[in-house]
Amino acid sequence: MIVACTGYAAYTVALRRRPPVSGFVFFSAMAAVAFVLTLPLVVWEVAAGTILWPDAQGLAILVYVALFPSLLSQIFFMRGVELIGPGRAGLFVNLVPVFGAILAVALLAEPFRLYHAAGLALVLGGIWLAERGRG
């Protein structure tokens, strides 16, 4: 997680210097590179006979994940970095587990527990403290 957070922080700061193209074009280029980099792993799985192809439900989930959490959220995040800068935008990445907990309660009928409330309070409190001094 520390490596992933460090990588995402570096990505957020690097967005300041992204090429002067739309967010959609920039994201598409990154997605194309990621696709090419994963092809050897797909070939390896096919050759090993361990590949699992998705059924209709799996394809529907794949389309949802490709459109909303992957494409739209990144385009909105890039726009947020443009508007408020990487330092401030990076704070709001901390809302990801909050939204995850809210969606788990709303969509998966997970019971809302005290640790959800504590996590929500800590994340929102941390963002409030960090943003409090900004004018």
N, C-alpha and C. Protein backbone atom coordinates (compact mmCIF):
# COMPACT_ATOMS: atom_id res chain seq x y z
N MET A 1 0.81 -1.19 0.00
CA MET A 1 0.00 0.00 0.00
C MET A 1 0.86 1.26 0.00
N ILE A 2 1.98 1.21 0.70
CA ILE A 2 2.84 2.39 0.74
C ILE A 2 3.40 2.68 -0.65
N VAL A 3 3.79 1.64 -1.37
CA VAL A 3 4.30 1.82 -2.74
C VAL A 3 3.19 2.36 -3.64
N ALA A 4 1.97 1.81 -3.50
CA ALA A 4 0.85 2.27 -4.32
C ALA A 4 0.52 3.73 -4.02
N CYS A 5 0.49 4.09 -2.75
CA CYS A 5 0.19 5.48 -2.38
C CYS A 5 1.28 6.43 -2.87
N THR A 6 2.52 6.00 -2.77
CA THR A 6 3.63 6.82 -3.27
C THR A 6 3.51 7.00 -4.78
N GLY A 7 3.20 5.93 -5.48
CA GLY A 7 3.01 6.02 -6.94
C GLY A 7 1.87 6.95 -7.31
N TYR A 8 0.76 6.86 -6.60
CA TYR A 8 -0.38 7.73 -6.92
C TYR A 8 -0.07 9.19 -6.58
N ALA A 9 0.69 9.41 -5.51
CA ALA A 9 1.10 10.77 -5.17
C ALA A 9 2.00 11.34 -6.27
N ALA A 10 2.93 10.52 -6.76
CA ALA A 10 3.81 10.96 -7.85
C ALA A 10 2.99 11.26 -9.11
N TYR A 11 2.01 10.41 -9.40
CA TYR A 11 1.12 10.63 -10.55
C TYR A 11 0.37 11.96 -10.40
N THR A 12 -0.14 12.22 -9.21
CA THR A 12 -0.89 13.45 -8.97
C THR A 12 -0.01 14.68 -9.18
N VAL A 13 1.20 14.65 -8.66
CA VAL A 13 2.12 15.78 -8.84
C VAL A 13 2.52 15.91 -10.32
N ALA A 14 2.73 14.78 -10.98
CA ALA A 14 3.13 14.81 -12.40
C ALA A 14 2.01 15.32 -13.30
N LEU A 15 0.77 15.24 -12.86
CA LEU A 15 -0.34 15.75 -13.68
C LEU A 15 -0.19 17.25 -13.98
N ARG A 16 0.55 17.93 -13.14
CA ARG A 16 0.80 19.35 -13.36
C ARG A 16 1.51 19.58 -14.69
N ARG A 17 2.31 18.60 -15.09
CA ARG A 17 3.12 18.74 -16.29
C ARG A 17 2.65 17.85 -17.44
N ARG A 18 1.40 17.43 -17.40
CA ARG A 18 0.91 16.56 -18.47
C ARG A 18 0.84 17.34 -19.78
N PRO A 19 0.90 16.63 -20.90
CA PRO A 19 0.85 17.32 -22.19
C PRO A 19 -0.45 18.12 -22.34
N PRO A 20 -0.43 19.16 -23.15
CA PRO A 20 -1.64 20.01 -23.30
C PRO A 20 -2.68 19.34 -24.21
N VAL A 21 -3.23 18.23 -23.74
CA VAL A 21 -4.30 17.52 -24.45
C VAL A 21 -5.45 17.33 -23.48
N SER A 22 -6.61 16.96 -24.01
CA SER A 22 -7.76 16.76 -23.13
C SER A 22 -7.51 15.59 -22.19
N GLY A 23 -8.26 15.58 -21.09
CA GLY A 23 -8.14 14.49 -20.14
C GLY A 23 -8.46 13.15 -20.76
N PHE A 24 -9.43 13.12 -21.66
CA PHE A 24 -9.83 11.87 -22.30
C PHE A 24 -8.69 11.32 -23.16
N VAL A 25 -8.05 12.19 -23.93
CA VAL A 25 -6.93 11.75 -24.78
C VAL A 25 -5.77 11.27 -23.90
N PHE A 26 -5.47 12.00 -22.85
CA PHE A 26 -4.38 11.61 -21.96
C PHE A 26 -4.66 10.27 -21.30
N PHE A 27 -5.90 10.10 -20.79
CA PHE A 27 -6.26 8.84 -20.16
C PHE A 27 -6.22 7.69 -21.18
N SER A 28 -6.69 7.95 -22.39
CA SER A 28 -6.68 6.91 -23.43
C SER A 28 -5.26 6.45 -23.73
N ALA A 29 -4.33 7.39 -23.77
CA ALA A 29 -2.93 7.03 -24.03
C ALA A 29 -2.38 6.17 -22.88
N MET A 30 -2.70 6.55 -21.64
CA MET A 30 -2.23 5.75 -20.50
C MET A 30 -2.87 4.36 -20.51
N ALA A 31 -4.16 4.29 -20.87
CA ALA A 31 -4.84 3.00 -20.92
C ALA A 31 -4.26 2.12 -22.02
N ALA A 32 -3.90 2.71 -23.14
CA ALA A 32 -3.31 1.94 -24.23
C ALA A 32 -1.96 1.36 -23.81
N VAL A 33 -1.16 2.15 -23.12
CA VAL A 33 0.13 1.66 -22.63
C VAL A 33 -0.09 0.52 -21.62
N ALA A 34 -1.05 0.69 -20.72
CA ALA A 34 -1.34 -0.36 -19.74
C ALA A 34 -1.80 -1.64 -20.43
N PHE A 35 -2.62 -1.50 -21.46
CA PHE A 35 -3.11 -2.65 -22.22
C PHE A 35 -1.95 -3.41 -22.85
N VAL A 36 -1.05 -2.69 -23.50
CA VAL A 36 0.10 -3.33 -24.15
C VAL A 36 0.99 -4.01 -23.12
N LEU A 37 1.18 -3.38 -21.96
CA LEU A 37 2.04 -3.96 -20.94
C LEU A 37 1.45 -5.23 -20.31
N THR A 38 0.12 -5.37 -20.34
CA THR A 38 -0.50 -6.56 -19.76
C THR A 38 -0.65 -7.70 -20.76
N LEU A 39 -0.47 -7.42 -22.03
CA LEU A 39 -0.62 -8.48 -23.04
C LEU A 39 0.29 -9.69 -22.80
N PRO A 40 1.56 -9.51 -22.44
CA PRO A 40 2.38 -10.70 -22.17
C PRO A 40 1.81 -11.59 -21.06
N LEU A 41 1.19 -10.98 -20.07
CA LEU A 41 0.60 -11.77 -18.99
C LEU A 41 -0.62 -12.55 -19.48
N VAL A 42 -1.41 -11.94 -20.36
CA VAL A 42 -2.56 -12.64 -20.93
C VAL A 42 -2.09 -13.82 -21.78
N VAL A 43 -1.08 -13.59 -22.59
CA VAL A 43 -0.53 -14.66 -23.42
C VAL A 43 -0.01 -15.79 -22.53
N TRP A 44 0.64 -15.45 -21.45
CA TRP A 44 1.16 -16.45 -20.52
C TRP A 44 0.01 -17.27 -19.91
N GLU A 45 -1.08 -16.59 -19.49
CA GLU A 45 -2.22 -17.31 -18.93
C GLU A 45 -2.87 -18.23 -19.95
N VAL A 46 -3.01 -17.76 -21.20
CA VAL A 46 -3.59 -18.61 -22.25
C VAL A 46 -2.70 -19.83 -22.48
N ALA A 47 -1.40 -19.60 -22.58
CA ALA A 47 -0.46 -20.69 -22.82
C ALA A 47 -0.46 -21.70 -21.67
N ALA A 48 -0.63 -21.21 -20.46
CA ALA A 48 -0.63 -22.09 -19.29
C ALA A 48 -1.98 -22.78 -19.10
N GLY A 49 -2.99 -22.32 -19.85
CA GLY A 49 -4.32 -22.91 -19.72
C GLY A 49 -5.05 -22.51 -18.45
N THR A 50 -4.65 -21.39 -17.86
CA THR A 50 -5.27 -20.95 -16.60
C THR A 50 -6.17 -19.74 -16.76
N ILE A 51 -6.40 -19.30 -17.99
CA ILE A 51 -7.22 -18.10 -18.19
C ILE A 51 -8.68 -18.41 -17.89
N LEU A 52 -9.35 -17.46 -17.27
CA LEU A 52 -10.77 -17.56 -16.97
C LEU A 52 -11.50 -16.47 -17.73
N TRP A 53 -12.36 -16.85 -18.65
CA TRP A 53 -13.11 -15.87 -19.44
C TRP A 53 -14.37 -15.49 -18.68
N PRO A 54 -14.74 -14.20 -18.68
CA PRO A 54 -15.93 -13.78 -17.92
C PRO A 54 -17.23 -14.22 -18.61
N ASP A 55 -18.25 -14.45 -17.77
CA ASP A 55 -19.59 -14.72 -18.29
C ASP A 55 -20.29 -13.38 -18.52
N ALA A 56 -21.59 -13.40 -18.77
CA ALA A 56 -22.34 -12.16 -19.05
C ALA A 56 -22.27 -11.20 -17.86
N GLN A 57 -22.41 -11.72 -16.66
CA GLN A 57 -22.33 -10.86 -15.48
C GLN A 57 -20.93 -10.27 -15.34
N GLY A 58 -19.91 -11.07 -15.59
CA GLY A 58 -18.54 -10.58 -15.52
C GLY A 58 -18.28 -9.51 -16.56
N LEU A 59 -18.82 -9.67 -17.76
CA LEU A 59 -18.67 -8.64 -18.80
C LEU A 59 -19.37 -7.35 -18.39
N ALA A 60 -20.56 -7.47 -17.79
CA ALA A 60 -21.27 -6.27 -17.33
C ALA A 60 -20.47 -5.55 -16.26
N ILE A 61 -19.89 -6.29 -15.35
CA ILE A 61 -19.05 -5.69 -14.31
C ILE A 61 -17.83 -5.03 -14.93
N LEU A 62 -17.24 -5.68 -15.92
CA LEU A 62 -16.07 -5.13 -16.61
C LEU A 62 -16.40 -3.80 -17.28
N VAL A 63 -17.55 -3.73 -17.95
CA VAL A 63 -17.97 -2.48 -18.61
C VAL A 63 -18.19 -1.39 -17.57
N TYR A 64 -18.85 -1.74 -16.46
CA TYR A 64 -19.07 -0.76 -15.39
C TYR A 64 -17.74 -0.23 -14.85
N VAL A 65 -16.83 -1.14 -14.53
CA VAL A 65 -15.54 -0.74 -13.96
C VAL A 65 -14.73 0.09 -14.96
N ALA A 66 -14.80 -0.28 -16.23
CA ALA A 66 -14.07 0.48 -17.26
C ALA A 66 -14.61 1.90 -17.40
N LEU A 67 -15.91 2.06 -17.31
CA LEU A 67 -16.50 3.39 -17.52
C LEU A 67 -16.45 4.29 -16.29
N PHE A 68 -16.87 3.78 -15.15
CA PHE A 68 -17.03 4.67 -14.00
C PHE A 68 -15.77 4.76 -13.13
N PRO A 69 -15.36 3.72 -12.41
CA PRO A 69 -14.20 3.89 -11.55
C PRO A 69 -12.91 4.15 -12.31
N SER A 70 -12.81 3.66 -13.54
CA SER A 70 -11.56 3.85 -14.28
C SER A 70 -11.58 5.14 -15.09
N LEU A 71 -12.43 5.22 -16.07
CA LEU A 71 -12.42 6.35 -17.00
C LEU A 71 -12.91 7.65 -16.37
N LEU A 72 -14.16 7.69 -15.95
CA LEU A 72 -14.73 8.95 -15.48
C LEU A 72 -14.05 9.48 -14.23
N SER A 73 -13.75 8.61 -13.27
CA SER A 73 -13.13 9.11 -12.05
C SER A 73 -11.76 9.72 -12.33
N GLN A 74 -10.99 9.12 -13.24
CA GLN A 74 -9.68 9.67 -13.55
C GLN A 74 -9.78 10.99 -14.32
N ILE A 75 -10.73 11.07 -15.22
CA ILE A 75 -10.91 12.34 -15.95
C ILE A 75 -11.34 13.44 -14.99
N PHE A 76 -12.26 13.13 -14.08
CA PHE A 76 -12.67 14.11 -13.08
C PHE A 76 -11.51 14.48 -12.16
N PHE A 77 -10.70 13.50 -11.79
CA PHE A 77 -9.55 13.77 -10.92
C PHE A 77 -8.55 14.68 -11.63
N MET A 78 -8.28 14.40 -12.92
CA MET A 78 -7.36 15.26 -13.68
C MET A 78 -7.89 16.69 -13.73
N ARG A 79 -9.18 16.84 -13.92
CA ARG A 79 -9.78 18.19 -13.95
C ARG A 79 -9.66 18.85 -12.58
N GLY A 80 -9.85 18.07 -11.52
CA GLY A 80 -9.70 18.61 -10.17
C GLY A 80 -8.29 19.10 -9.91
N VAL A 81 -7.30 18.35 -10.39
CA VAL A 81 -5.91 18.77 -10.23
C VAL A 81 -5.67 20.07 -10.99
N GLU A 82 -6.27 20.19 -12.18
CA GLU A 82 -6.14 21.43 -12.94
C GLU A 82 -6.74 22.61 -12.17
N LEU A 83 -7.88 22.39 -11.53
CA LEU A 83 -8.59 23.48 -10.87
C LEU A 83 -7.98 23.87 -9.53
N ILE A 84 -7.59 22.89 -8.70
CA ILE A 84 -7.14 23.23 -7.34
C ILE A 84 -5.70 22.85 -7.06
N GLY A 85 -5.01 22.23 -8.02
CA GLY A 85 -3.61 21.87 -7.84
C GLY A 85 -3.44 20.49 -7.23
N PRO A 86 -2.25 19.91 -7.42
CA PRO A 86 -2.03 18.54 -6.94
C PRO A 86 -1.99 18.41 -5.43
N GLY A 87 -1.52 19.42 -4.73
CA GLY A 87 -1.44 19.32 -3.27
C GLY A 87 -2.81 19.18 -2.64
N ARG A 88 -3.73 20.02 -3.06
CA ARG A 88 -5.09 19.94 -2.51
C ARG A 88 -5.84 18.75 -3.05
N ALA A 89 -5.69 18.44 -4.34
CA ALA A 89 -6.42 17.31 -4.93
C ALA A 89 -5.98 16.00 -4.30
N GLY A 90 -4.71 15.90 -3.95
CA GLY A 90 -4.20 14.68 -3.34
C GLY A 90 -4.88 14.36 -2.02
N LEU A 91 -5.32 15.38 -1.29
CA LEU A 91 -6.03 15.16 -0.03
C LEU A 91 -7.31 14.36 -0.24
N PHE A 92 -7.99 14.64 -1.34
CA PHE A 92 -9.31 14.07 -1.54
C PHE A 92 -9.26 12.61 -2.01
N VAL A 93 -8.06 12.10 -2.32
CA VAL A 93 -7.91 10.68 -2.61
C VAL A 93 -8.27 9.88 -1.35
N ASN A 94 -8.13 10.50 -0.19
CA ASN A 94 -8.48 9.82 1.06
C ASN A 94 -9.97 9.52 1.18
N LEU A 95 -10.77 10.08 0.31
CA LEU A 95 -12.21 9.78 0.34
C LEU A 95 -12.55 8.44 -0.30
N VAL A 96 -11.61 7.82 -0.99
CA VAL A 96 -11.88 6.54 -1.65
C VAL A 96 -12.40 5.49 -0.66
N PRO A 97 -11.75 5.26 0.50
CA PRO A 97 -12.32 4.27 1.42
C PRO A 97 -13.67 4.69 1.99
N VAL A 98 -13.91 5.99 2.11
CA VAL A 98 -15.20 6.46 2.60
C VAL A 98 -16.29 6.07 1.60
N PHE A 99 -16.05 6.35 0.32
CA PHE A 99 -17.02 5.96 -0.69
C PHE A 99 -17.17 4.45 -0.77
N GLY A 100 -16.08 3.73 -0.59
CA GLY A 100 -16.14 2.27 -0.59
C GLY A 100 -17.04 1.75 0.52
N ALA A 101 -16.91 2.32 1.71
CA ALA A 101 -17.75 1.90 2.84
C ALA A 101 -19.21 2.27 2.59
N ILE A 102 -19.45 3.47 2.06
CA ILE A 102 -20.83 3.90 1.77
C ILE A 102 -21.47 2.97 0.74
N LEU A 103 -20.72 2.64 -0.31
CA LEU A 103 -21.26 1.75 -1.33
C LEU A 103 -21.46 0.34 -0.80
N ALA A 104 -20.57 -0.12 0.08
CA ALA A 104 -20.74 -1.46 0.67
C ALA A 104 -22.02 -1.52 1.50
N VAL A 105 -22.30 -0.46 2.24
CA VAL A 105 -23.51 -0.42 3.05
C VAL A 105 -24.74 -0.31 2.14
N ALA A 106 -24.66 0.56 1.14
CA ALA A 106 -25.83 0.81 0.28
C ALA A 106 -26.11 -0.32 -0.70
N LEU A 107 -25.07 -0.86 -1.31
CA LEU A 107 -25.27 -1.85 -2.38
C LEU A 107 -25.16 -3.29 -1.93
N LEU A 108 -24.31 -3.55 -0.95
CA LEU A 108 -24.08 -4.93 -0.52
C LEU A 108 -24.78 -5.26 0.78
N ALA A 109 -25.51 -4.31 1.32
CA ALA A 109 -26.25 -4.48 2.58
C ALA A 109 -25.33 -4.82 3.74
N GLU A 110 -24.09 -4.35 3.66
CA GLU A 110 -23.17 -4.53 4.80
C GLU A 110 -23.68 -3.66 5.93
N PRO A 111 -23.70 -4.18 7.15
CA PRO A 111 -24.17 -3.35 8.26
C PRO A 111 -23.20 -2.21 8.55
N PHE A 112 -23.74 -1.04 8.83
CA PHE A 112 -22.91 0.12 9.18
C PHE A 112 -22.44 -0.07 10.62
N ARG A 113 -21.15 -0.10 10.81
CA ARG A 113 -20.55 -0.37 12.12
C ARG A 113 -19.85 0.87 12.67
N LEU A 114 -19.46 0.77 13.90
CA LEU A 114 -18.76 1.87 14.56
C LEU A 114 -17.45 2.20 13.84
N TYR A 115 -16.74 1.20 13.34
CA TYR A 115 -15.47 1.46 12.66
C TYR A 115 -15.70 2.21 11.34
N HIS A 116 -16.85 2.03 10.71
CA HIS A 116 -17.17 2.85 9.52
C HIS A 116 -17.29 4.32 9.93
N ALA A 117 -18.03 4.56 11.00
CA ALA A 117 -18.22 5.93 11.48
C ALA A 117 -16.89 6.55 11.91
N ALA A 118 -16.05 5.76 12.59
CA ALA A 118 -14.75 6.28 13.04
C ALA A 118 -13.87 6.62 11.84
N GLY A 119 -13.84 5.72 10.85
CA GLY A 119 -13.05 5.99 9.65
C GLY A 119 -13.54 7.22 8.91
N LEU A 120 -14.86 7.33 8.78
CA LEU A 120 -15.46 8.49 8.12
C LEU A 120 -15.08 9.78 8.85
N ALA A 121 -15.20 9.76 10.17
CA ALA A 121 -14.87 10.95 10.95
C ALA A 121 -13.39 11.30 10.83
N LEU A 122 -12.51 10.29 10.86
CA LEU A 122 -11.08 10.56 10.76
C LEU A 122 -10.70 11.13 9.39
N VAL A 123 -11.24 10.55 8.32
CA VAL A 123 -10.91 11.04 6.98
C VAL A 123 -11.45 12.45 6.79
N LEU A 124 -12.73 12.66 7.09
CA LEU A 124 -13.31 14.00 6.92
C LEU A 124 -12.66 15.03 7.84
N GLY A 125 -12.33 14.60 9.06
CA GLY A 125 -11.63 15.50 9.98
C GLY A 125 -10.24 15.86 9.47
N GLY A 126 -9.54 14.89 8.91
CA GLY A 126 -8.21 15.17 8.36
C GLY A 126 -8.27 16.12 7.18
N ILE A 127 -9.24 15.92 6.30
CA ILE A 127 -9.39 16.83 5.15
C ILE A 127 -9.78 18.22 5.65
N TRP A 128 -10.68 18.29 6.63
CA TRP A 128 -11.09 19.58 7.17
C TRP A 128 -9.89 20.31 7.78
N LEU A 129 -9.07 19.58 8.55
CA LEU A 129 -7.89 20.21 9.16
C LEU A 129 -6.91 20.71 8.10
N ALA A 130 -6.70 19.92 7.07
CA ALA A 130 -5.76 20.31 6.02
C ALA A 130 -6.28 21.50 5.21
N GLU A 131 -7.58 21.55 5.01
CA GLU A 131 -8.17 22.62 4.20
C GLU A 131 -8.48 23.88 5.01
N ARG A 132 -8.53 23.77 6.32
CA ARG A 132 -8.94 24.86 7.20
C ARG A 132 -8.13 26.13 7.01
N GLY A 133 -6.85 26.00 6.81
CA GLY A 133 -5.99 27.17 6.69
C GLY A 133 -5.94 27.76 5.29
N ARG A 134 -6.57 27.13 4.34
CA ARG A 134 -6.53 27.64 2.96
C ARG A 134 -7.61 28.70 2.77
N GLY A 135 -7.29 29.68 1.98
CA GLY A 135 -8.25 30.76 1.78
C GLY A 135 -8.77 30.73 0.43
